[in-house]
N, C-alpha and C. Protein backbone atom coordinates (compact mmCIF):
# COMPACT_ATOMS: atom_id res chain seq x y z
N MET A 1 80.99 75.20 115.07
CA MET A 1 81.61 76.46 115.52
C MET A 1 80.64 77.70 114.51
N ARG A 2 80.22 76.89 113.48
CA ARG A 2 79.52 78.28 112.61
C ARG A 2 78.19 78.72 113.22
N GLU A 3 77.33 77.79 113.88
CA GLU A 3 76.58 78.30 114.40
C GLU A 3 76.56 79.28 116.20
N MET A 4 77.83 78.46 116.67
CA MET A 4 78.08 79.48 117.99
C MET A 4 78.46 80.89 117.39
N VAL A 5 79.33 81.12 116.29
CA VAL A 5 79.79 82.08 115.46
C VAL A 5 78.96 82.84 115.27
N GLU A 6 77.29 82.68 114.37
CA GLU A 6 76.41 83.53 114.13
C GLU A 6 75.87 83.63 115.34
N GLN A 7 75.58 82.97 116.56
CA GLN A 7 75.25 83.33 118.11
C GLN A 7 75.63 84.93 118.50
N LEU A 8 76.49 84.45 118.27
CA LEU A 8 77.73 85.42 119.53
C LEU A 8 77.56 86.90 118.17
N SER A 9 77.73 86.84 116.88
CA SER A 9 77.39 87.79 116.14
C SER A 9 75.98 88.02 116.33
N THR A 10 75.13 87.89 116.76
CA THR A 10 73.91 88.16 116.55
C THR A 10 74.19 88.70 117.94
N TRP A 11 74.54 88.16 119.08
CA TRP A 11 74.38 89.32 120.35
C TRP A 11 75.22 90.20 120.72
N MET A 12 76.65 90.31 119.54
CA MET A 12 77.44 91.68 119.43
C MET A 12 76.55 92.75 118.98
N ALA A 13 75.83 92.64 117.69
CA ALA A 13 75.14 92.92 116.30
C ALA A 13 73.73 93.99 117.17
N ASP A 14 73.24 93.23 118.15
CA ASP A 14 72.10 93.78 119.09
C ASP A 14 72.36 94.77 119.96
N SER A 15 74.13 94.58 120.49
CA SER A 15 74.65 95.22 121.82
C SER A 15 74.62 96.61 121.69
N TRP A 16 74.39 97.68 122.56
CA TRP A 16 75.04 98.79 122.26
C TRP A 16 75.75 99.63 121.23
N LEU A 17 77.21 98.57 121.76
CA LEU A 17 77.89 99.17 120.60
C LEU A 17 77.84 98.72 118.97
N GLY A 18 77.27 97.65 118.82
CA GLY A 18 76.44 97.09 117.73
C GLY A 18 76.46 98.15 117.28
N HIS A 19 74.91 98.48 117.83
CA HIS A 19 74.31 99.61 117.26
C HIS A 19 74.84 101.23 116.74
N PHE A 20 75.59 101.45 117.57
CA PHE A 20 76.66 101.88 117.55
C PHE A 20 77.46 102.25 116.53
N MET A 21 77.58 101.62 115.75
CA MET A 21 78.77 101.44 115.09
C MET A 21 77.88 100.75 113.48
N ILE A 22 76.65 100.75 113.36
CA ILE A 22 76.00 100.78 112.32
C ILE A 22 75.81 102.37 112.03
N ALA A 23 75.72 103.52 113.07
CA ALA A 23 75.25 104.41 112.19
C ALA A 23 76.62 105.16 111.18
N ASN A 24 75.58 105.74 110.18
CA ASN A 24 76.94 106.07 108.95
C ASN A 24 78.28 106.89 109.03
N TRP A 25 77.76 107.72 110.48
CA TRP A 25 79.47 108.12 110.29
C TRP A 25 80.34 107.69 111.13
N THR A 26 79.97 107.06 112.11
CA THR A 26 80.87 105.78 113.19
C THR A 26 82.51 105.09 112.42
N TRP A 27 82.06 104.06 111.55
CA TRP A 27 83.00 103.68 110.78
C TRP A 27 84.29 104.48 109.97
N PRO A 28 83.76 105.08 109.35
CA PRO A 28 85.41 106.14 108.88
C PRO A 28 85.63 106.78 109.94
N TRP A 29 84.66 107.28 110.96
CA TRP A 29 85.72 107.98 111.61
C TRP A 29 86.46 106.86 112.75
N PHE A 30 86.05 105.54 113.11
CA PHE A 30 86.78 104.21 113.79
C PHE A 30 87.96 104.30 113.21
N GLU A 31 87.97 104.08 111.37
CA GLU A 31 88.98 103.70 110.49
C GLU A 31 89.69 104.76 110.71
N ALA A 32 89.60 105.70 110.83
CA ALA A 32 90.74 107.14 111.12
C ALA A 32 91.20 107.14 111.91
N ILE A 33 90.88 106.91 113.14
CA ILE A 33 91.15 106.66 114.68
C ILE A 33 92.18 105.14 115.03
N HIS A 34 91.77 104.40 113.79
CA HIS A 34 92.38 102.81 113.63
C HIS A 34 93.91 103.39 112.55
N PHE A 35 93.79 103.82 111.92
CA PHE A 35 95.07 104.28 110.99
C PHE A 35 95.60 105.25 111.97
N ILE A 36 95.41 106.47 112.88
CA ILE A 36 96.05 106.71 113.74
C ILE A 36 97.00 106.24 114.52
N GLY A 37 96.20 105.26 115.15
CA GLY A 37 96.64 104.67 116.33
C GLY A 37 98.15 103.41 115.55
N MET A 38 97.41 103.08 114.04
CA MET A 38 98.80 102.31 113.34
C MET A 38 100.14 103.16 113.09
N SER A 39 99.53 104.16 112.62
CA SER A 39 100.57 105.41 112.64
C SER A 39 101.49 105.30 114.34
N LEU A 40 100.93 105.69 115.18
CA LEU A 40 101.66 105.51 116.44
C LEU A 40 102.29 104.79 116.84
N LEU A 41 101.77 103.29 116.57
CA LEU A 41 102.29 101.87 117.25
C LEU A 41 103.81 101.82 115.61
N CYS A 42 103.36 102.05 114.75
CA CYS A 42 104.09 101.13 113.85
C CYS A 42 105.54 102.55 113.44
N GLY A 43 105.24 103.76 113.83
CA GLY A 43 106.23 104.79 113.61
C GLY A 43 107.57 104.39 114.94
N SER A 44 106.75 103.97 116.24
CA SER A 44 107.44 104.07 117.21
C SER A 44 108.31 102.30 117.34
N ILE A 45 107.68 101.62 116.75
CA ILE A 45 108.39 100.35 116.25
C ILE A 45 109.06 100.37 115.57
N LEU A 46 108.79 101.01 114.41
CA LEU A 46 110.32 101.55 113.47
C LEU A 46 111.05 101.91 113.79
N ILE A 47 111.06 103.00 114.77
CA ILE A 47 112.29 103.89 115.07
C ILE A 47 113.00 102.61 116.06
N MET A 48 112.17 101.98 117.22
CA MET A 48 112.69 101.14 117.97
C MET A 48 113.45 99.99 117.56
N ASP A 49 112.49 99.67 116.37
CA ASP A 49 113.05 98.08 116.30
C ASP A 49 114.69 98.31 115.15
N ILE A 50 114.85 99.34 114.62
CA ILE A 50 116.05 99.64 113.89
C ILE A 50 116.96 99.91 114.94
N ARG A 51 116.63 100.51 115.58
CA ARG A 51 117.81 100.82 116.85
C ARG A 51 118.18 99.38 116.85
N LEU A 52 117.23 98.54 117.71
CA LEU A 52 118.01 97.60 118.21
C LEU A 52 118.20 96.36 117.64
N LEU A 53 118.16 96.86 116.21
CA LEU A 53 118.95 95.51 114.96
C LEU A 53 120.36 96.50 114.89
N GLY A 54 120.77 97.81 115.34
CA GLY A 54 122.04 97.87 115.58
C GLY A 54 121.95 99.17 114.16
N PHE A 55 121.05 99.31 113.76
CA PHE A 55 121.32 100.87 112.77
C PHE A 55 120.86 101.83 113.34
N LEU A 56 121.39 103.02 112.54
CA LEU A 56 121.27 104.63 113.54
C LEU A 56 121.79 104.61 114.80
N ARG A 57 122.90 103.97 115.32
CA ARG A 57 123.43 103.85 116.58
C ARG A 57 123.95 105.19 116.71
N LYS A 58 124.60 106.11 116.42
CA LYS A 58 125.18 107.56 116.65
C LYS A 58 124.61 108.08 116.54
N GLU A 59 123.13 107.88 115.70
CA GLU A 59 122.37 109.27 116.16
C GLU A 59 120.88 108.66 116.64
N ILE A 60 120.38 108.10 117.17
CA ILE A 60 119.14 107.37 117.90
C ILE A 60 119.59 106.77 119.28
N SER A 61 119.67 107.76 120.40
CA SER A 61 120.22 107.25 121.39
C SER A 61 119.50 105.97 122.42
N LEU A 62 119.99 105.04 122.39
CA LEU A 62 119.57 103.50 123.06
C LEU A 62 118.05 104.01 124.21
N HIS A 63 118.09 105.25 125.09
CA HIS A 63 117.79 105.07 126.12
C HIS A 63 116.53 106.05 125.39
N ALA A 64 116.49 107.27 124.73
CA ALA A 64 115.70 107.58 123.78
C ALA A 64 114.70 106.76 123.51
N VAL A 65 114.99 106.01 123.02
CA VAL A 65 114.01 105.13 122.05
C VAL A 65 113.05 104.73 122.98
N HIS A 66 113.40 104.31 124.49
CA HIS A 66 112.48 103.66 125.39
C HIS A 66 111.60 104.34 125.46
N ALA A 67 111.94 106.18 125.61
CA ALA A 67 110.68 107.39 125.52
C ALA A 67 109.41 106.92 124.93
N LEU A 68 109.67 105.80 123.06
CA LEU A 68 108.92 105.67 122.65
C LEU A 68 107.28 104.88 122.91
N THR A 69 108.19 104.04 123.85
CA THR A 69 107.35 102.92 124.17
C THR A 69 105.80 103.16 124.90
N LEU A 70 105.49 104.39 125.02
CA LEU A 70 104.55 105.27 125.08
C LEU A 70 103.54 105.17 124.73
N TRP A 71 104.32 106.61 123.71
CA TRP A 71 103.24 106.39 122.10
C TRP A 71 103.00 105.31 121.79
N GLY A 72 104.05 103.90 121.20
CA GLY A 72 103.33 102.30 120.82
C GLY A 72 102.36 102.14 121.92
N LEU A 73 102.53 102.28 122.89
CA LEU A 73 101.16 101.41 123.37
C LEU A 73 100.31 102.23 123.08
N LEU A 74 100.31 103.61 123.23
CA LEU A 74 98.91 104.35 123.18
C LEU A 74 98.22 104.33 121.71
N GLY A 75 98.97 103.97 120.36
CA GLY A 75 98.72 103.35 119.37
C GLY A 75 98.05 101.89 119.29
N PHE A 76 98.25 100.93 120.21
CA PHE A 76 98.13 99.88 120.14
C PHE A 76 96.71 100.21 120.99
N MET A 77 96.50 100.73 122.31
CA MET A 77 94.77 100.59 122.90
C MET A 77 94.23 101.77 121.32
N LEU A 78 94.22 102.88 121.08
CA LEU A 78 93.26 103.42 119.64
C LEU A 78 92.99 101.57 119.06
N ASN A 79 94.43 101.06 118.63
CA ASN A 79 93.88 99.99 117.60
C ASN A 79 92.93 99.08 118.23
N LEU A 80 92.98 98.70 119.66
CA LEU A 80 92.28 97.79 120.04
C LEU A 80 91.29 98.21 120.25
N LEU A 81 90.99 99.14 120.67
CA LEU A 81 89.47 99.89 121.38
C LEU A 81 88.72 100.38 119.36
N THR A 82 89.24 100.57 118.68
CA THR A 82 88.67 100.32 117.37
C THR A 82 88.58 98.84 116.59
N GLY A 83 88.99 98.29 116.82
CA GLY A 83 88.88 97.52 116.54
C GLY A 83 87.87 96.18 116.89
N ILE A 84 87.39 96.62 118.76
CA ILE A 84 86.57 95.76 119.01
C ILE A 84 85.53 96.21 118.41
N GLY A 85 85.40 97.66 118.32
CA GLY A 85 84.34 98.12 117.41
C GLY A 85 84.13 97.50 116.08
N PHE A 86 84.44 97.15 115.35
CA PHE A 86 84.80 96.40 114.16
C PHE A 86 84.00 95.39 114.15
N LEU A 87 85.03 94.10 115.29
CA LEU A 87 84.49 93.42 115.95
C LEU A 87 83.05 93.20 115.72
N PHE A 88 82.38 94.11 116.64
CA PHE A 88 80.79 94.58 117.06
C PHE A 88 80.04 94.37 116.07
N LYS A 89 81.09 95.19 115.15
CA LYS A 89 79.40 95.58 113.74
C LYS A 89 79.20 94.25 113.13
N ASP A 90 80.42 93.53 112.57
CA ASP A 90 80.56 92.50 111.93
C ASP A 90 81.32 91.14 111.82
N PHE A 91 81.00 91.03 113.38
CA PHE A 91 81.76 89.56 113.84
C PHE A 91 81.65 87.87 113.22
N GLY A 92 80.51 88.09 112.40
CA GLY A 92 80.75 86.73 111.45
C GLY A 92 81.59 86.49 110.56
N ASN A 93 81.89 88.04 110.29
CA ASN A 93 82.16 87.46 108.57
C ASN A 93 84.27 88.01 109.24
N TYR A 94 84.32 88.40 110.16
CA TYR A 94 85.47 88.66 111.32
C TYR A 94 86.24 87.22 111.49
N ALA A 95 85.31 86.58 112.02
CA ALA A 95 85.65 85.80 113.08
C ALA A 95 86.08 84.42 112.05
N LEU A 96 85.66 84.25 110.92
CA LEU A 96 85.59 82.95 110.07
C LEU A 96 86.87 83.20 108.93
N ASN A 97 87.11 84.32 109.00
CA ASN A 97 88.33 85.02 107.83
C ASN A 97 89.56 84.61 108.40
N GLN A 98 90.14 83.97 107.36
CA GLN A 98 91.17 83.25 107.78
C GLN A 98 92.52 84.25 107.68
N SER A 99 92.58 85.27 106.80
CA SER A 99 93.54 86.19 107.33
C SER A 99 93.16 87.31 108.73
N PHE A 100 91.98 87.22 108.81
CA PHE A 100 92.13 88.11 110.00
C PHE A 100 92.50 86.74 111.25
N GLN A 101 92.35 86.02 111.35
CA GLN A 101 93.32 84.60 112.20
C GLN A 101 94.68 85.22 112.44
N PHE A 102 94.93 84.64 110.96
CA PHE A 102 96.30 84.96 110.68
C PHE A 102 96.94 86.49 111.51
N LYS A 103 95.85 87.67 111.49
CA LYS A 103 96.32 88.82 112.14
C LYS A 103 96.64 88.73 113.31
N MET A 104 95.22 88.33 114.04
CA MET A 104 95.39 88.14 114.91
C MET A 104 96.56 87.28 116.07
N ALA A 105 96.47 86.63 115.21
CA ALA A 105 97.99 85.20 115.45
C ALA A 105 98.68 86.12 115.73
N CYS A 106 99.20 86.67 114.44
CA CYS A 106 100.73 88.36 114.52
C CYS A 106 100.26 88.77 116.02
N VAL A 107 99.41 89.37 116.21
CA VAL A 107 98.83 90.42 117.55
C VAL A 107 99.66 89.80 118.61
N LEU A 108 99.23 88.76 118.28
CA LEU A 108 99.38 87.25 119.78
C LEU A 108 101.09 87.28 119.99
N LEU A 109 101.76 87.06 118.96
CA LEU A 109 102.67 86.69 118.60
C LEU A 109 104.08 87.95 118.89
N ALA A 110 103.25 89.22 118.13
CA ALA A 110 104.30 90.29 118.72
C ALA A 110 104.03 90.58 120.16
N GLY A 111 102.78 90.82 120.74
CA GLY A 111 102.49 91.03 122.37
C GLY A 111 104.00 90.27 123.12
N ILE A 112 103.94 88.55 122.55
CA ILE A 112 105.13 87.87 123.53
C ILE A 112 105.74 88.73 123.40
N ASN A 113 106.20 89.05 122.42
CA ASN A 113 107.93 89.51 122.16
C ASN A 113 107.82 90.70 122.27
N PHE A 114 107.07 91.35 122.51
CA PHE A 114 107.04 92.65 123.60
C PHE A 114 107.61 92.48 124.88
N LEU A 115 106.58 91.30 125.31
CA LEU A 115 106.46 91.05 126.90
C LEU A 115 108.46 90.75 127.41
N VAL A 116 108.53 89.88 126.03
CA VAL A 116 110.11 89.28 126.43
C VAL A 116 110.85 90.51 126.52
N PHE A 117 110.90 91.49 125.31
CA PHE A 117 111.27 93.11 125.44
C PHE A 117 111.16 93.80 126.81
N TRP A 118 110.07 93.95 127.34
CA TRP A 118 110.06 94.61 128.43
C TRP A 118 110.71 94.13 129.36
N PHE A 119 110.28 92.85 129.46
CA PHE A 119 110.62 92.14 131.22
C PHE A 119 111.80 91.63 130.82
N VAL A 120 112.98 90.90 129.82
CA VAL A 120 114.04 90.47 129.44
C VAL A 120 114.77 91.48 128.82
N ILE A 121 115.07 91.74 127.71
CA ILE A 121 116.02 92.93 127.15
C ILE A 121 115.95 93.95 127.72
N ARG A 122 114.95 94.65 127.97
CA ARG A 122 115.04 96.58 128.12
C ARG A 122 115.77 96.51 129.92
N LYS A 123 115.77 95.46 130.46
CA LYS A 123 116.87 95.27 131.92
C LYS A 123 117.71 95.33 131.32
N GLN A 124 118.57 94.16 130.48
CA GLN A 124 119.81 94.37 129.65
C GLN A 124 120.60 95.38 129.30
N LEU A 125 119.56 96.43 128.51
CA LEU A 125 120.14 97.71 128.02
C LEU A 125 120.10 98.56 128.70
N GLU A 126 119.73 98.48 129.73
CA GLU A 126 119.34 99.95 130.76
C GLU A 126 121.43 100.60 131.17
N PRO A 127 121.80 99.19 131.40
CA PRO A 127 123.36 100.05 132.03
C PRO A 127 123.71 100.29 130.85
N LEU A 128 123.74 99.65 129.28
CA LEU A 128 124.64 100.40 128.37
C LEU A 128 124.41 101.72 128.37
N PRO A 129 125.67 102.44 127.09
CA PRO A 129 125.72 103.59 126.74
C PRO A 129 124.94 103.82 125.61
N ASP A 130 124.39 104.83 125.35
CA ASP A 130 123.46 105.26 124.38
C ASP A 130 123.99 104.79 122.98
N ASP A 131 125.06 104.60 122.57
CA ASP A 131 125.44 104.25 121.32
C ASP A 131 125.96 102.85 121.30
N ALA A 132 125.56 101.94 122.58
CA ALA A 132 126.34 100.71 122.26
C ALA A 132 125.45 100.02 121.61
N ASP A 133 126.66 98.87 120.69
CA ASP A 133 125.79 98.19 120.05
C ASP A 133 125.09 96.99 121.20
N VAL A 134 123.58 96.14 120.89
CA VAL A 134 123.01 95.43 121.17
C VAL A 134 123.31 94.05 121.43
N GLY A 135 123.04 93.13 121.90
CA GLY A 135 123.56 91.64 122.06
C GLY A 135 122.18 90.69 120.76
N PHE A 136 122.63 89.71 120.79
CA PHE A 136 122.23 88.91 119.69
C PHE A 136 120.03 89.07 120.00
N GLY A 137 120.04 88.47 121.62
CA GLY A 137 118.79 88.54 122.17
C GLY A 137 118.33 89.56 121.71
N ALA A 138 118.56 90.92 121.82
CA ALA A 138 117.97 92.43 121.50
C ALA A 138 117.53 92.54 120.78
N LYS A 139 118.98 91.87 119.71
CA LYS A 139 118.63 91.75 117.50
C LYS A 139 117.55 91.38 117.42
N MET A 140 117.71 90.05 118.08
CA MET A 140 116.34 89.02 117.68
C MET A 140 114.98 89.65 117.74
N VAL A 141 114.64 90.31 119.09
CA VAL A 141 113.71 90.50 119.27
C VAL A 141 113.11 91.76 118.81
N GLY A 142 114.13 92.33 118.17
CA GLY A 142 114.26 93.97 117.03
C GLY A 142 113.33 93.17 115.67
N PHE A 143 114.28 91.92 115.03
CA PHE A 143 113.37 91.66 113.94
C PHE A 143 112.16 90.91 114.09
N THR A 144 112.11 90.08 115.11
CA THR A 144 110.85 89.64 115.37
C THR A 144 109.58 90.35 115.54
N SER A 145 109.84 91.74 115.95
CA SER A 145 108.70 92.66 116.22
C SER A 145 108.34 93.05 114.54
N LEU A 146 109.73 93.54 114.41
CA LEU A 146 109.55 94.22 112.67
C LEU A 146 108.89 92.94 111.95
N LEU A 147 108.93 91.40 111.57
CA LEU A 147 107.87 90.88 111.03
C LEU A 147 106.65 91.13 111.48
N MET A 148 106.77 90.76 113.12
CA MET A 148 105.38 90.71 113.24
C MET A 148 104.47 91.52 112.93
N TRP A 149 104.79 92.85 112.93
CA TRP A 149 103.53 94.10 112.90
C TRP A 149 103.72 94.02 111.68
N PHE A 150 104.90 93.98 110.40
CA PHE A 150 104.54 94.01 109.02
C PHE A 150 103.81 92.83 108.73
N LEU A 151 103.52 91.84 108.92
CA LEU A 151 102.56 90.45 109.13
C LEU A 151 101.21 90.79 109.52
N VAL A 152 101.28 91.92 110.59
CA VAL A 152 99.64 91.98 111.21
C VAL A 152 99.18 92.87 109.94
N ILE A 153 99.79 94.20 109.37
CA ILE A 153 99.37 95.06 108.15
C ILE A 153 98.64 94.09 107.52
N TRP A 154 99.56 93.20 107.31
CA TRP A 154 99.10 92.67 105.44
C TRP A 154 98.12 91.71 105.93
N GLY A 155 98.31 91.19 107.04
CA GLY A 155 96.93 90.38 107.56
C GLY A 155 95.55 91.53 107.58
N GLY A 156 95.84 92.34 107.74
CA GLY A 156 94.33 93.19 108.11
C GLY A 156 94.23 93.57 106.47
N ARG A 157 95.45 93.99 106.10
CA ARG A 157 94.75 94.21 104.36
C ARG A 157 93.87 93.00 103.37
N MET A 158 94.49 91.99 103.93
CA MET A 158 93.69 90.63 103.25
C MET A 158 92.51 90.11 103.96
N ILE A 159 92.32 90.87 104.75
CA ILE A 159 90.85 90.73 105.03
C ILE A 159 89.95 90.98 104.23
N PRO A 160 89.82 92.21 103.81
CA PRO A 160 88.63 92.52 102.53
C PRO A 160 89.02 90.87 100.99
N VAL A 161 90.24 90.77 100.74
CA VAL A 161 90.59 89.29 100.16
C VAL A 161 89.73 88.29 100.18
N PHE A 162 89.81 87.38 101.34
CA PHE A 162 89.49 86.77 101.75
C PHE A 162 87.95 86.75 102.73
N GLY A 163 87.22 87.67 102.28
CA GLY A 163 85.81 87.95 102.91
C GLY A 163 85.12 89.20 103.22
N GLU A 164 84.16 89.25 103.70
CA GLU A 164 83.71 90.21 104.18
C GLU A 164 84.58 90.95 105.21
N GLY A 165 84.41 91.86 105.54
CA GLY A 165 84.98 92.88 106.86
C GLY A 165 85.27 94.08 107.27
């Protein structure tokens, strides 16, 4: 496994993106964009999930919350693109890092949770009035989303603790 990671790491570092990420200015700019993406994603998710959990029913319209989905997806795309840049710069240290692996597992689970929201829960919410209390399924999706994204952030912050990256 380690040999395969080393080969892939070498290939990625030798690619145009690997060389681009070595420039002195690239990493800080990618980090700044990554944090902007995280702010868009987490801000949107926080508002949506708090509303799904039943808080601020009078203050936040159930249907207005759906408009935040595009902002959350934009934030996710910024994080995905900058994250790919980070990987190409230092794949060997990320791939074997347990915290990074944990983070990516949580991103996957959060993605599955979003698909459940988008294809199941969202359709159940469409006919409801703006201040409606949502069902147990929607609340579970909201809770799972908050938990997974908290763990994604925690996992990302732990990457330096458990290795390079």
